[in-house]
Amino acid sequence: MMTKPLKDLNRAELEVILSAMRLQVRTLKGAEKDLFSLDYQKVLKKGREVELDGMGMKHICYALRRKALMLTAVYGNEARKAQKKMLYNLAYKITMKRIRFQEEHNPLNKHKETPALPKADVS
């Protein structure tokens, strides 16, 4: 199952996501880098029309939060508050979309009506 979580974002927000993902992909190694790179390439090519699953949305949130933490490490806790707040808010927005998507498509949440089985007669 896939969804378009970036559909309602503006161009500036999409650029922030791409910047955070670009920064993040440089720090990864091995299979983790391969998986992350696939989602980064999808977002890069399709932009707001990209279709992602829950893992892709997690990758975006992870990159956004990591960039905010890196800004704190480089510039200190008091500097660039507006930029860090925007990164965290965007990550939160996408996290809420991921949770909603996963709840809607969770097979355990599908309550199927099953016909009652006749009881066996033990006598």
PDB file of N, CA and C in Angstrom:
ATOM      1  N   MET A   1       0.833  -1.168   0.000  1.00  0.00           N
ATOM      2  CA  MET A   1       0.000   0.000   0.000  1.00  0.00           C
ATOM      3  C   MET A   1       0.885   1.241   0.000  1.00  0.00           C
ATOM      4  N   MET A   2       0.470   2.209  -0.763  1.00  0.00           N
ATOM      5  CA  MET A   2       1.222   3.455  -0.866  1.00  0.00           C
ATOM      6  C   MET A   2       0.257   4.635  -0.754  1.00  0.00           C
ATOM      7  N   THR A   3       0.790   5.786  -0.384  1.00  0.00           N
ATOM      8  CA  THR A   3       0.013   7.011  -0.299  1.00  0.00           C
ATOM      9  C   THR A   3       0.884   8.184  -0.743  1.00  0.00           C
ATOM     10  N   LYS A   4       0.269   9.330  -0.952  1.00  0.00           N
ATOM     11  CA  LYS A   4       0.989  10.529  -1.357  1.00  0.00           C
ATOM     12  C   LYS A   4       1.036  11.510  -0.177  1.00  0.00           C
ATOM     13  N   PRO A   5       1.991  11.323   0.730  1.00  0.00           N
ATOM     14  CA  PRO A   5       2.016  12.149   1.937  1.00  0.00           C
ATOM     15  C   PRO A   5       2.475  13.594   1.711  1.00  0.00           C
ATOM     16  N   LEU A   6       3.129  13.873   0.602  1.00  0.00           N
ATOM     17  CA  LEU A   6       3.665  15.212   0.364  1.00  0.00           C
ATOM     18  C   LEU A   6       2.772  16.052  -0.534  1.00  0.00           C
ATOM     19  N   LYS A   7       1.608  15.520  -0.870  1.00  0.00           N
ATOM     20  CA  LYS A   7       0.715  16.149  -1.834  1.00  0.00           C
ATOM     21  C   LYS A   7       0.320  17.574  -1.444  1.00  0.00           C
ATOM     22  N   ASP A   8       0.078  17.835  -0.190  1.00  0.00           N
ATOM     23  CA  ASP A   8      -0.409  19.150   0.230  1.00  0.00           C
ATOM     24  C   ASP A   8       0.693  20.095   0.720  1.00  0.00           C
ATOM     25  N   LEU A   9       1.961  19.747   0.499  1.00  0.00           N
ATOM     26  CA  LEU A   9       3.063  20.610   0.912  1.00  0.00           C
ATOM     27  C   LEU A   9       3.367  21.644  -0.171  1.00  0.00           C
ATOM     28  N   ASN A  10       3.929  22.775   0.247  1.00  0.00           N
ATOM     29  CA  ASN A  10       4.333  23.767  -0.746  1.00  0.00           C
ATOM     30  C   ASN A  10       5.765  23.489  -1.201  1.00  0.00           C
ATOM     31  N   ARG A  11       6.227  24.261  -2.162  1.00  0.00           N
ATOM     32  CA  ARG A  11       7.534  24.019  -2.763  1.00  0.00           C
ATOM     33  C   ARG A  11       8.668  24.206  -1.745  1.00  0.00           C
ATOM     34  N   ALA A  12       8.538  25.193  -0.877  1.00  0.00           N
ATOM     35  CA  ALA A  12       9.575  25.439   0.131  1.00  0.00           C
ATOM     36  C   ALA A  12       9.703  24.251   1.091  1.00  0.00           C
ATOM     37  N   GLU A  13       8.571  23.694   1.521  1.00  0.00           N
ATOM     38  CA  GLU A  13       8.595  22.542   2.418  1.00  0.00           C
ATOM     39  C   GLU A  13       9.211  21.329   1.729  1.00  0.00           C
ATOM     40  N   LEU A  14       8.911  21.161   0.453  1.00  0.00           N
ATOM     41  CA  LEU A  14       9.493  20.053  -0.306  1.00  0.00           C
ATOM     42  C   LEU A  14      11.005  20.223  -0.417  1.00  0.00           C
ATOM     43  N   GLU A  15      11.466  21.435  -0.619  1.00  0.00           N
ATOM     44  CA  GLU A  15      12.909  21.693  -0.688  1.00  0.00           C
ATOM     45  C   GLU A  15      13.587  21.419   0.647  1.00  0.00           C
ATOM     46  N   VAL A  16      12.921  21.725   1.736  1.00  0.00           N
ATOM     47  CA  VAL A  16      13.461  21.438   3.066  1.00  0.00           C
ATOM     48  C   VAL A  16      13.609  19.929   3.244  1.00  0.00           C
ATOM     49  N   ILE A  17      12.612  19.183   2.817  1.00  0.00           N
ATOM     50  CA  ILE A  17      12.662  17.720   2.915  1.00  0.00           C
ATOM     51  C   ILE A  17      13.805  17.174   2.077  1.00  0.00           C
ATOM     52  N   LEU A  18      13.938  17.650   0.846  1.00  0.00           N
ATOM     53  CA  LEU A  18      15.018  17.182  -0.024  1.00  0.00           C
ATOM     54  C   LEU A  18      16.386  17.515   0.563  1.00  0.00           C
ATOM     55  N   SER A  19      16.516  18.699   1.132  1.00  0.00           N
ATOM     56  CA  SER A  19      17.781  19.099   1.743  1.00  0.00           C
ATOM     57  C   SER A  19      18.129  18.199   2.924  1.00  0.00           C
ATOM     58  N   ALA A  20      17.147  17.923   3.764  1.00  0.00           N
ATOM     59  CA  ALA A  20      17.374  17.065   4.924  1.00  0.00           C
ATOM     60  C   ALA A  20      17.716  15.639   4.488  1.00  0.00           C
ATOM     61  N   MET A  21      17.033  15.151   3.479  1.00  0.00           N
ATOM     62  CA  MET A  21      17.303  13.790   3.000  1.00  0.00           C
ATOM     63  C   MET A  21      18.677  13.708   2.349  1.00  0.00           C
ATOM     64  N   ARG A  22      19.051  14.730   1.609  1.00  0.00           N
ATOM     65  CA  ARG A  22      20.370  14.768   0.969  1.00  0.00           C
ATOM     66  C   ARG A  22      21.464  14.729   2.025  1.00  0.00           C
ATOM     67  N   LEU A  23      21.291  15.494   3.079  1.00  0.00           N
ATOM     68  CA  LEU A  23      22.245  15.513   4.179  1.00  0.00           C
ATOM     69  C   LEU A  23      22.302  14.152   4.875  1.00  0.00           C
ATOM     70  N   GLN A  24      21.154  13.549   5.069  1.00  0.00           N
ATOM     71  CA  GLN A  24      21.068  12.270   5.776  1.00  0.00           C
ATOM     72  C   GLN A  24      21.689  11.125   4.981  1.00  0.00           C
ATOM     73  N   VAL A  25      21.469  11.093   3.680  1.00  0.00           N
ATOM     74  CA  VAL A  25      21.941   9.966   2.870  1.00  0.00           C
ATOM     75  C   VAL A  25      23.471   9.902   2.879  1.00  0.00           C
ATOM     76  N   ARG A  26      24.123  11.031   3.077  1.00  0.00           N
ATOM     77  CA  ARG A  26      25.593  11.054   3.124  1.00  0.00           C
ATOM     78  C   ARG A  26      26.145  10.387   4.371  1.00  0.00           C
ATOM     79  N   THR A  27      25.361  10.330   5.432  1.00  0.00           N
ATOM     80  CA  THR A  27      25.853   9.805   6.703  1.00  0.00           C
ATOM     81  C   THR A  27      25.596   8.309   6.869  1.00  0.00           C
ATOM     82  N   LEU A  28      24.820   7.712   5.986  1.00  0.00           N
ATOM     83  CA  LEU A  28      24.440   6.310   6.139  1.00  0.00           C
ATOM     84  C   LEU A  28      25.408   5.386   5.405  1.00  0.00           C
ATOM     85  N   LYS A  29      25.366   4.104   5.787  1.00  0.00           N
ATOM     86  CA  LYS A  29      26.226   3.103   5.147  1.00  0.00           C
ATOM     87  C   LYS A  29      25.437   1.812   4.945  1.00  0.00           C
ATOM     88  N   GLY A  30      25.878   1.031   3.995  1.00  0.00           N
ATOM     89  CA  GLY A  30      25.349  -0.310   3.790  1.00  0.00           C
ATOM     90  C   GLY A  30      23.901  -0.353   3.320  1.00  0.00           C
ATOM     91  N   ALA A  31      23.193  -1.355   3.836  1.00  0.00           N
ATOM     92  CA  ALA A  31      21.804  -1.579   3.426  1.00  0.00           C
ATOM     93  C   ALA A  31      20.895  -0.424   3.830  1.00  0.00           C
ATOM     94  N   GLU A  32      21.207   0.200   4.957  1.00  0.00           N
ATOM     95  CA  GLU A  32      20.404   1.340   5.408  1.00  0.00           C
ATOM     96  C   GLU A  32      20.485   2.482   4.389  1.00  0.00           C
ATOM     97  N   LYS A  33      21.675   2.699   3.855  1.00  0.00           N
ATOM     98  CA  LYS A  33      21.866   3.745   2.851  1.00  0.00           C
ATOM     99  C   LYS A  33      21.103   3.399   1.572  1.00  0.00           C
ATOM    100  N   ASP A  34      21.122   2.128   1.195  1.00  0.00           N
ATOM    101  CA  ASP A  34      20.415   1.702  -0.019  1.00  0.00           C
ATOM    102  C   ASP A  34      18.918   1.945   0.095  1.00  0.00           C
ATOM    103  N   LEU A  35      18.329   1.564   1.221  1.00  0.00           N
ATOM    104  CA  LEU A  35      16.890   1.763   1.427  1.00  0.00           C
ATOM    105  C   LEU A  35      16.531   3.238   1.460  1.00  0.00           C
ATOM    106  N   PHE A  36      17.339   4.015   2.169  1.00  0.00           N
ATOM    107  CA  PHE A  36      17.080   5.443   2.273  1.00  0.00           C
ATOM    108  C   PHE A  36      17.235   6.112   0.913  1.00  0.00           C
ATOM    109  N   SER A  37      18.241   5.700   0.157  1.00  0.00           N
ATOM    110  CA  SER A  37      18.492   6.283  -1.172  1.00  0.00           C
ATOM    111  C   SER A  37      17.322   6.050  -2.125  1.00  0.00           C
ATOM    112  N   LEU A  38      16.693   4.888  -2.020  1.00  0.00           N
ATOM    113  CA  LEU A  38      15.527   4.607  -2.868  1.00  0.00           C
ATOM    114  C   LEU A  38      14.415   5.622  -2.610  1.00  0.00           C
ATOM    115  N   ASP A  39      14.140   5.886  -1.350  1.00  0.00           N
ATOM    116  CA  ASP A  39      13.095   6.855  -1.023  1.00  0.00           C
ATOM    117  C   ASP A  39      13.515   8.274  -1.399  1.00  0.00           C
ATOM    118  N   TYR A  40      14.789   8.593  -1.216  1.00  0.00           N
ATOM    119  CA  TYR A  40      15.278   9.922  -1.594  1.00  0.00           C
ATOM    120  C   TYR A  40      15.131  10.132  -3.101  1.00  0.00           C
ATOM    121  N   GLN A  41      15.485   9.132  -3.886  1.00  0.00           N
ATOM    122  CA  GLN A  41      15.362   9.246  -5.340  1.00  0.00           C
ATOM    123  C   GLN A  41      13.904   9.387  -5.775  1.00  0.00           C
ATOM    124  N   LYS A  42      13.006   8.675  -5.098  1.00  0.00           N
ATOM    125  CA  LYS A  42      11.575   8.806  -5.400  1.00  0.00           C
ATOM    126  C   LYS A  42      11.102  10.235  -5.169  1.00  0.00           C
ATOM    127  N   VAL A  43      11.460  10.795  -4.021  1.00  0.00           N
ATOM    128  CA  VAL A  43      11.035  12.156  -3.689  1.00  0.00           C
ATOM    129  C   VAL A  43      11.674  13.150  -4.654  1.00  0.00           C
ATOM    130  N   LEU A  44      12.923  12.928  -4.994  1.00  0.00           N
ATOM    131  CA  LEU A  44      13.635  13.817  -5.901  1.00  0.00           C
ATOM    132  C   LEU A  44      12.995  13.836  -7.289  1.00  0.00           C
ATOM    133  N   LYS A  45      12.603  12.673  -7.781  1.00  0.00           N
ATOM    134  CA  LYS A  45      12.041  12.573  -9.134  1.00  0.00           C
ATOM    135  C   LYS A  45      10.585  13.005  -9.223  1.00  0.00           C
ATOM    136  N   LYS A  46       9.780  12.601  -8.256  1.00  0.00           N
ATOM    137  CA  LYS A  46       8.338  12.844  -8.363  1.00  0.00           C
ATOM    138  C   LYS A  46       7.826  14.007  -7.525  1.00  0.00           C
ATOM    139  N   GLY A  47       8.632  14.510  -6.624  1.00  0.00           N
ATOM    140  CA  GLY A  47       8.226  15.663  -5.819  1.00  0.00           C
ATOM    141  C   GLY A  47       6.992  15.389  -4.982  1.00  0.00           C
ATOM    142  N   ARG A  48       6.025  16.281  -5.079  1.00  0.00           N
ATOM    143  CA  ARG A  48       4.809  16.154  -4.255  1.00  0.00           C
ATOM    144  C   ARG A  48       3.932  14.979  -4.675  1.00  0.00           C
ATOM    145  N   GLU A  49       4.127  14.455  -5.837  1.00  0.00           N
ATOM    146  CA  GLU A  49       3.304  13.341  -6.312  1.00  0.00           C
ATOM    147  C   GLU A  49       3.904  11.974  -5.983  1.00  0.00           C
ATOM    148  N   VAL A  50       4.946  11.961  -5.174  1.00  0.00           N
ATOM    149  CA  VAL A  50       5.601  10.708  -4.819  1.00  0.00           C
ATOM    150  C   VAL A  50       4.666   9.837  -3.990  1.00  0.00           C
ATOM    151  N   GLU A  51       4.730   8.540  -4.255  1.00  0.00           N
ATOM    152  CA  GLU A  51       3.959   7.574  -3.473  1.00  0.00           C
ATOM    153  C   GLU A  51       4.915   6.847  -2.554  1.00  0.00           C
ATOM    154  N   LEU A  52       4.629   6.901  -1.262  1.00  0.00           N
ATOM    155  CA  LEU A  52       5.497   6.283  -0.259  1.00  0.00           C
ATOM    156  C   LEU A  52       4.703   5.363   0.649  1.00  0.00           C
ATOM    157  N   ASP A  53       5.410   4.414   1.236  1.00  0.00           N
ATOM    158  CA  ASP A  53       4.807   3.571   2.256  1.00  0.00           C
ATOM    159  C   ASP A  53       5.220   4.111   3.627  1.00  0.00           C
ATOM    160  N   GLY A  54       4.903   3.401   4.659  1.00  0.00           N
ATOM    161  CA  GLY A  54       5.224   3.856   6.008  1.00  0.00           C
ATOM    162  C   GLY A  54       6.717   4.032   6.232  1.00  0.00           C
ATOM    163  N   MET A  55       7.518   3.143   5.662  1.00  0.00           N
ATOM    164  CA  MET A  55       8.975   3.235   5.821  1.00  0.00           C
ATOM    165  C   MET A  55       9.516   4.496   5.163  1.00  0.00           C
ATOM    166  N   GLY A  56       9.005   4.839   3.990  1.00  0.00           N
ATOM    167  CA  GLY A  56       9.448   6.057   3.308  1.00  0.00           C
ATOM    168  C   GLY A  56       9.118   7.300   4.115  1.00  0.00           C
ATOM    169  N   MET A  57       7.936   7.314   4.725  1.00  0.00           N
ATOM    170  CA  MET A  57       7.563   8.448   5.556  1.00  0.00           C
ATOM    171  C   MET A  57       8.432   8.519   6.812  1.00  0.00           C
ATOM    172  N   LYS A  58       8.804   7.356   7.354  1.00  0.00           N
ATOM    173  CA  LYS A  58       9.710   7.335   8.504  1.00  0.00           C
ATOM    174  C   LYS A  58      11.074   7.892   8.118  1.00  0.00           C
ATOM    175  N   HIS A  59      11.538   7.546   6.929  1.00  0.00           N
ATOM    176  CA  HIS A  59      12.824   8.063   6.467  1.00  0.00           C
ATOM    177  C   HIS A  59      12.815   9.589   6.399  1.00  0.00           C
ATOM    178  N   ILE A  60      11.737  10.156   5.881  1.00  0.00           N
ATOM    179  CA  ILE A  60      11.641  11.611   5.783  1.00  0.00           C
ATOM    180  C   ILE A  60      11.658  12.236   7.179  1.00  0.00           C
ATOM    181  N   CYS A  61      10.879  11.697   8.098  1.00  0.00           N
ATOM    182  CA  CYS A  61      10.819  12.239   9.462  1.00  0.00           C
ATOM    183  C   CYS A  61      12.169  12.124  10.154  1.00  0.00           C
ATOM    184  N   TYR A  62      12.826  11.005   9.958  1.00  0.00           N
ATOM    185  CA  TYR A  62      14.141  10.794  10.559  1.00  0.00           C
ATOM    186  C   TYR A  62      15.134  11.840  10.042  1.00  0.00           C
ATOM    187  N   ALA A  63      15.111  12.099   8.747  1.00  0.00           N
ATOM    188  CA  ALA A  63      16.022  13.082   8.154  1.00  0.00           C
ATOM    189  C   ALA A  63      15.735  14.487   8.672  1.00  0.00           C
ATOM    190  N   LEU A  64      14.466  14.845   8.788  1.00  0.00           N
ATOM    191  CA  LEU A  64      14.105  16.174   9.279  1.00  0.00           C
ATOM    192  C   LEU A  64      14.541  16.373  10.729  1.00  0.00           C
ATOM    193  N   ARG A  65      14.290  15.383  11.559  1.00  0.00           N
ATOM    194  CA  ARG A  65      14.677  15.486  12.964  1.00  0.00           C
ATOM    195  C   ARG A  65      16.194  15.503  13.126  1.00  0.00           C
ATOM    196  N   ARG A  66      16.862  14.710  12.320  1.00  0.00           N
ATOM    197  CA  ARG A  66      18.325  14.661  12.391  1.00  0.00           C
ATOM    198  C   ARG A  66      18.932  16.009  11.998  1.00  0.00           C
ATOM    199  N   LYS A  67      18.362  16.645  10.980  1.00  0.00           N
ATOM    200  CA  LYS A  67      18.868  17.949  10.562  1.00  0.00           C
ATOM    201  C   LYS A  67      18.666  18.980  11.680  1.00  0.00           C
ATOM    202  N   ALA A  68      17.529  18.936  12.349  1.00  0.00           N
ATOM    203  CA  ALA A  68      17.284  19.861  13.459  1.00  0.00           C
ATOM    204  C   ALA A  68      18.286  19.627  14.590  1.00  0.00           C
ATOM    205  N   LEU A  69      18.575  18.371  14.878  1.00  0.00           N
ATOM    206  CA  LEU A  69      19.556  18.063  15.918  1.00  0.00           C
ATOM    207  C   LEU A  69      20.956  18.512  15.512  1.00  0.00           C
ATOM    208  N   MET A  70      21.276  18.395  14.233  1.00  0.00           N
ATOM    209  CA  MET A  70      22.578  18.845  13.747  1.00  0.00           C
ATOM    210  C   MET A  70      22.691  20.371  13.857  1.00  0.00           C
ATOM    211  N   LEU A  71      21.610  21.084  13.580  1.00  0.00           N
ATOM    212  CA  LEU A  71      21.624  22.538  13.733  1.00  0.00           C
ATOM    213  C   LEU A  71      21.871  22.922  15.193  1.00  0.00           C
ATOM    214  N   THR A  72      21.278  22.178  16.102  1.00  0.00           N
ATOM    215  CA  THR A  72      21.495  22.428  17.524  1.00  0.00           C
ATOM    216  C   THR A  72      22.951  22.165  17.895  1.00  0.00           C
ATOM    217  N   ALA A  73      23.517  21.088  17.381  1.00  0.00           N
ATOM    218  CA  ALA A  73      24.898  20.735  17.696  1.00  0.00           C
ATOM    219  C   ALA A  73      25.879  21.775  17.140  1.00  0.00           C
ATOM    220  N   VAL A  74      25.600  22.296  15.966  1.00  0.00           N
ATOM    221  CA  VAL A  74      26.516  23.235  15.321  1.00  0.00           C
ATOM    222  C   VAL A  74      26.361  24.651  15.853  1.00  0.00           C
ATOM    223  N   TYR A  75      25.117  25.124  15.960  1.00  0.00           N
ATOM    224  CA  TYR A  75      24.876  26.533  16.293  1.00  0.00           C
ATOM    225  C   TYR A  75      24.445  26.773  17.739  1.00  0.00           C
ATOM    226  N   GLY A  76      24.186  25.727  18.480  1.00  0.00           N
ATOM    227  CA  GLY A  76      23.753  25.890  19.862  1.00  0.00           C
ATOM    228  C   GLY A  76      22.248  25.810  20.003  1.00  0.00           C
ATOM    229  N   ASN A  77      21.803  25.743  21.222  1.00  0.00           N
ATOM    230  CA  ASN A  77      20.385  25.545  21.517  1.00  0.00           C
ATOM    231  C   ASN A  77      19.535  26.777  21.224  1.00  0.00           C
ATOM    232  N   GLU A  78      20.113  27.958  21.365  1.00  0.00           N
ATOM    233  CA  GLU A  78      19.344  29.185  21.216  1.00  0.00           C
ATOM    234  C   GLU A  78      19.288  29.709  19.778  1.00  0.00           C
ATOM    235  N   ALA A  79      20.194  29.287  18.933  1.00  0.00           N
ATOM    236  CA  ALA A  79      20.254  29.804  17.558  1.00  0.00           C
ATOM    237  C   ALA A  79      19.335  29.018  16.629  1.00  0.00           C
ATOM    238  N   ARG A  80      18.870  29.690  15.609  1.00  0.00           N
ATOM    239  CA  ARG A  80      18.052  29.099  14.548  1.00  0.00           C
ATOM    240  C   ARG A  80      16.811  28.383  15.071  1.00  0.00           C
ATOM    241  N   LYS A  81      16.169  28.956  16.037  1.00  0.00           N
ATOM    242  CA  LYS A  81      14.979  28.337  16.631  1.00  0.00           C
ATOM    243  C   LYS A  81      13.849  28.196  15.624  1.00  0.00           C
ATOM    244  N   ALA A  82      13.647  29.211  14.788  1.00  0.00           N
ATOM    245  CA  ALA A  82      12.551  29.161  13.816  1.00  0.00           C
ATOM    246  C   ALA A  82      12.766  28.028  12.815  1.00  0.00           C
ATOM    247  N   GLN A  83      14.000  27.853  12.359  1.00  0.00           N
ATOM    248  CA  GLN A  83      14.291  26.800  11.393  1.00  0.00           C
ATOM    249  C   GLN A  83      14.109  25.421  12.025  1.00  0.00           C
ATOM    250  N   LYS A  84      14.577  25.252  13.259  1.00  0.00           N
ATOM    251  CA  LYS A  84      14.424  23.967  13.939  1.00  0.00           C
ATOM    252  C   LYS A  84      12.952  23.668  14.213  1.00  0.00           C
ATOM    253  N   LYS A  85      12.208  24.695  14.599  1.00  0.00           N
ATOM    254  CA  LYS A  85      10.778  24.510  14.846  1.00  0.00           C
ATOM    255  C   LYS A  85      10.064  24.068  13.574  1.00  0.00           C
ATOM    256  N   MET A  86      10.423  24.680  12.443  1.00  0.00           N
ATOM    257  CA  MET A  86       9.810  24.303  11.173  1.00  0.00           C
ATOM    258  C   MET A  86      10.145  22.849  10.813  1.00  0.00           C
ATOM    259  N   LEU A  87      11.390  22.436  11.051  1.00  0.00           N
ATOM    260  CA  LEU A  87      11.790  21.054  10.765  1.00  0.00           C
ATOM    261  C   LEU A  87      11.004  20.069  11.637  1.00  0.00           C
ATOM    262  N   TYR A  88      10.904  20.364  12.925  1.00  0.00           N
ATOM    263  CA  TYR A  88      10.163  19.473  13.827  1.00  0.00           C
ATOM    264  C   TYR A  88       8.670  19.445  13.496  1.00  0.00           C
ATOM    265  N   ASN A  89       8.101  20.589  13.154  1.00  0.00           N
ATOM    266  CA  ASN A  89       6.681  20.630  12.807  1.00  0.00           C
ATOM    267  C   ASN A  89       6.395  19.852  11.530  1.00  0.00           C
ATOM    268  N   LEU A  90       7.276  19.960  10.558  1.00  0.00           N
ATOM    269  CA  LEU A  90       7.110  19.209   9.316  1.00  0.00           C
ATOM    270  C   LEU A  90       7.233  17.704   9.570  1.00  0.00           C
ATOM    271  N   ALA A  91       8.179  17.324  10.410  1.00  0.00           N
ATOM    272  CA  ALA A  91       8.331  15.906  10.771  1.00  0.00           C
ATOM    273  C   ALA A  91       7.078  15.406  11.487  1.00  0.00           C
ATOM    274  N   TYR A  92       6.522  16.227  12.367  1.00  0.00           N
ATOM    275  CA  TYR A  92       5.307  15.849  13.086  1.00  0.00           C
ATOM    276  C   TYR A  92       4.135  15.671  12.117  1.00  0.00           C
ATOM    277  N   LYS A  93       4.020  16.587  11.182  1.00  0.00           N
ATOM    278  CA  LYS A  93       2.933  16.533  10.200  1.00  0.00           C
ATOM    279  C   LYS A  93       2.993  15.233   9.389  1.00  0.00           C
ATOM    280  N   ILE A  94       4.176  14.861   8.968  1.00  0.00           N
ATOM    281  CA  ILE A  94       4.333  13.639   8.180  1.00  0.00           C
ATOM    282  C   ILE A  94       4.158  12.408   9.065  1.00  0.00           C
ATOM    283  N   THR A  95       4.574  12.481  10.307  1.00  0.00           N
ATOM    284  CA  THR A  95       4.366  11.366  11.234  1.00  0.00           C
ATOM    285  C   THR A  95       2.879  11.105  11.434  1.00  0.00           C
ATOM    286  N   MET A  96       2.092  12.149  11.575  1.00  0.00           N
ATOM    287  CA  MET A  96       0.648  11.988  11.738  1.00  0.00           C
ATOM    288  C   MET A  96       0.023  11.360  10.491  1.00  0.00           C
ATOM    289  N   LYS A  97       0.494  11.737   9.315  1.00  0.00           N
ATOM    290  CA  LYS A  97       0.004  11.129   8.069  1.00  0.00           C
ATOM    291  C   LYS A  97       0.375   9.651   8.015  1.00  0.00           C
ATOM    292  N   ARG A  98       1.595   9.324   8.463  1.00  0.00           N
ATOM    293  CA  ARG A  98       2.030   7.923   8.458  1.00  0.00           C
ATOM    294  C   ARG A  98       1.181   7.098   9.409  1.00  0.00           C
ATOM    295  N   ILE A  99       0.927   7.615  10.588  1.00  0.00           N
ATOM    296  CA  ILE A  99       0.123   6.878  11.570  1.00  0.00           C
ATOM    297  C   ILE A  99      -1.286   6.654  11.035  1.00  0.00           C
ATOM    298  N   ARG A 100      -1.878   7.685  10.460  1.00  0.00           N
ATOM    299  CA  ARG A 100      -3.216   7.561   9.882  1.00  0.00           C
ATOM    300  C   ARG A 100      -3.223   6.525   8.753  1.00  0.00           C
ATOM    301  N   PHE A 101      -2.209   6.591   7.893  1.00  0.00           N
ATOM    302  CA  PHE A 101      -2.092   5.643   6.777  1.00  0.00           C
ATOM    303  C   PHE A 101      -1.975   4.212   7.300  1.00  0.00           C
ATOM    304  N   GLN A 102      -1.131   4.002   8.300  1.00  0.00           N
ATOM    305  CA  GLN A 102      -0.931   2.657   8.814  1.00  0.00           C
ATOM    306  C   GLN A 102      -2.167   2.133   9.547  1.00  0.00           C
ATOM    307  N   GLU A 103      -2.897   2.999  10.208  1.00  0.00           N
ATOM    308  CA  GLU A 103      -4.122   2.563  10.863  1.00  0.00           C
ATOM    309  C   GLU A 103      -5.188   2.163   9.845  1.00  0.00           C
ATOM    310  N   GLU A 104      -5.271   2.926   8.757  1.00  0.00           N
ATOM    311  CA  GLU A 104      -6.264   2.626   7.730  1.00  0.00           C
ATOM    312  C   GLU A 104      -5.969   1.329   6.988  1.00  0.00           C
ATOM    313  N   HIS A 105      -4.691   1.008   6.839  1.00  0.00           N
ATOM    314  CA  HIS A 105      -4.310  -0.157   6.044  1.00  0.00           C
ATOM    315  C   HIS A 105      -3.819  -1.335   6.872  1.00  0.00           C
ATOM    316  N   ASN A 106      -4.036  -1.283   8.162  1.00  0.00           N
ATOM    317  CA  ASN A 106      -3.648  -2.381   9.034  1.00  0.00           C
ATOM    318  C   ASN A 106      -4.671  -3.506   8.908  1.00  0.00           C
ATOM    319  N   PRO A 107      -4.233  -4.691   8.491  1.00  0.00           N
ATOM    320  CA  PRO A 107      -5.192  -5.787   8.328  1.00  0.00           C
ATOM    321  C   PRO A 107      -5.833  -6.216   9.642  1.00  0.00           C
ATOM    322  N   LEU A 108      -5.204  -5.935  10.755  1.00  0.00           N
ATOM    323  CA  LEU A 108      -5.791  -6.297  12.044  1.00  0.00           C
ATOM    324  C   LEU A 108      -6.948  -5.386  12.423  1.00  0.00           C
ATOM    325  N   ASN A 109      -7.029  -4.210  11.802  1.00  0.00           N
ATOM    326  CA  ASN A 109      -8.129  -3.287  12.080  1.00  0.00           C
ATOM    327  C   ASN A 109      -9.361  -3.578  11.238  1.00  0.00           C
ATOM    328  N   LYS A 110      -9.245  -4.456  10.276  1.00  0.00           N
ATOM    329  CA  LYS A 110     -10.372  -4.797   9.409  1.00  0.00           C
ATOM    330  C   LYS A 110     -11.228  -5.832  10.128  1.00  0.00           C
ATOM    331  N   HIS A 111     -12.380  -5.424  10.574  1.00  0.00           N
ATOM    332  CA  HIS A 111     -13.283  -6.335  11.279  1.00  0.00           C
ATOM    333  C   HIS A 111     -14.207  -6.974  10.253  1.00  0.00           C
ATOM    334  N   LYS A 112     -13.881  -8.197   9.922  1.00  0.00           N
ATOM    335  CA  LYS A 112     -14.688  -8.912   8.939  1.00  0.00           C
ATOM    336  C   LYS A 112     -15.771  -9.701   9.668  1.00  0.00           C
ATOM    337  N   GLU A 113     -16.925  -9.660   9.088  1.00  0.00           N
ATOM    338  CA  GLU A 113     -18.027 -10.429   9.651  1.00  0.00           C
ATOM    339  C   GLU A 113     -17.836 -11.887   9.246  1.00  0.00           C
ATOM    340  N   THR A 114     -17.610 -12.754  10.213  1.00  0.00           N
ATOM    341  CA  THR A 114     -17.481 -14.170   9.918  1.00  0.00           C
ATOM    342  C   THR A 114     -18.719 -14.869  10.420  1.00  0.00           C
ATOM    343  N   PRO A 115     -19.246 -15.751   9.623  1.00  0.00           N
ATOM    344  CA  PRO A 115     -20.452 -16.450  10.068  1.00  0.00           C
ATOM    345  C   PRO A 115     -20.137 -17.345  11.277  1.00  0.00           C
ATOM    346  N   ALA A 116     -21.083 -17.396  12.184  1.00  0.00           N
ATOM    347  CA  ALA A 116     -20.910 -18.222  13.390  1.00  0.00           C
ATOM    348  C   ALA A 116     -20.922 -19.696  13.002  1.00  0.00           C
ATOM    349  N   LEU A 117     -19.984 -20.421  13.547  1.00  0.00           N
ATOM    350  CA  LEU A 117     -19.920 -21.860  13.263  1.00  0.00           C
ATOM    351  C   LEU A 117     -20.908 -22.600  14.153  1.00  0.00           C
ATOM    352  N   PRO A 118     -21.552 -23.626  13.622  1.00  0.00           N
ATOM    353  CA  PRO A 118     -22.463 -24.409  14.456  1.00  0.00           C
ATOM    354  C   PRO A 118     -21.680 -25.132  15.551  1.00  0.00           C
ATOM    355  N   LYS A 119     -22.260 -25.205  16.719  1.00  0.00           N
ATOM    356  CA  LYS A 119     -21.581 -25.871  17.834  1.00  0.00           C
ATOM    357  C   LYS A 119     -21.661 -27.373  17.657  1.00  0.00           C
ATOM    358  N   ALA A 120     -20.565 -28.021  17.971  1.00  0.00           N
ATOM    359  CA  ALA A 120     -20.515 -29.478  17.859  1.00  0.00           C
ATOM    360  C   ALA A 120     -21.313 -30.100  19.002  1.00  0.00           C
ATOM    361  N   ASP A 121     -22.041 -31.150  18.683  1.00  0.00           N
ATOM    362  CA  ASP A 121     -22.821 -31.863  19.696  1.00  0.00           C
ATOM    363  C   ASP A 121     -21.941 -32.952  20.277  1.00  0.00           C
ATOM    364  N   VAL A 122     -21.603 -32.842  21.553  1.00  0.00           N
ATOM    365  CA  VAL A 122     -20.663 -33.766  22.183  1.00  0.00           C
ATOM    366  C   VAL A 122     -21.372 -35.042  22.648  1.00  0.00           C
ATOM    367  N   SER A 123     -22.656 -35.059  22.814  1.00  0.00           N
ATOM    368  CA  SER A 123     -23.346 -36.216  23.362  1.00  0.00           C
ATOM    369  C   SER A 123     -23.417 -37.379  22.448  1.00  0.00           C
TER     370      SER A 123
END
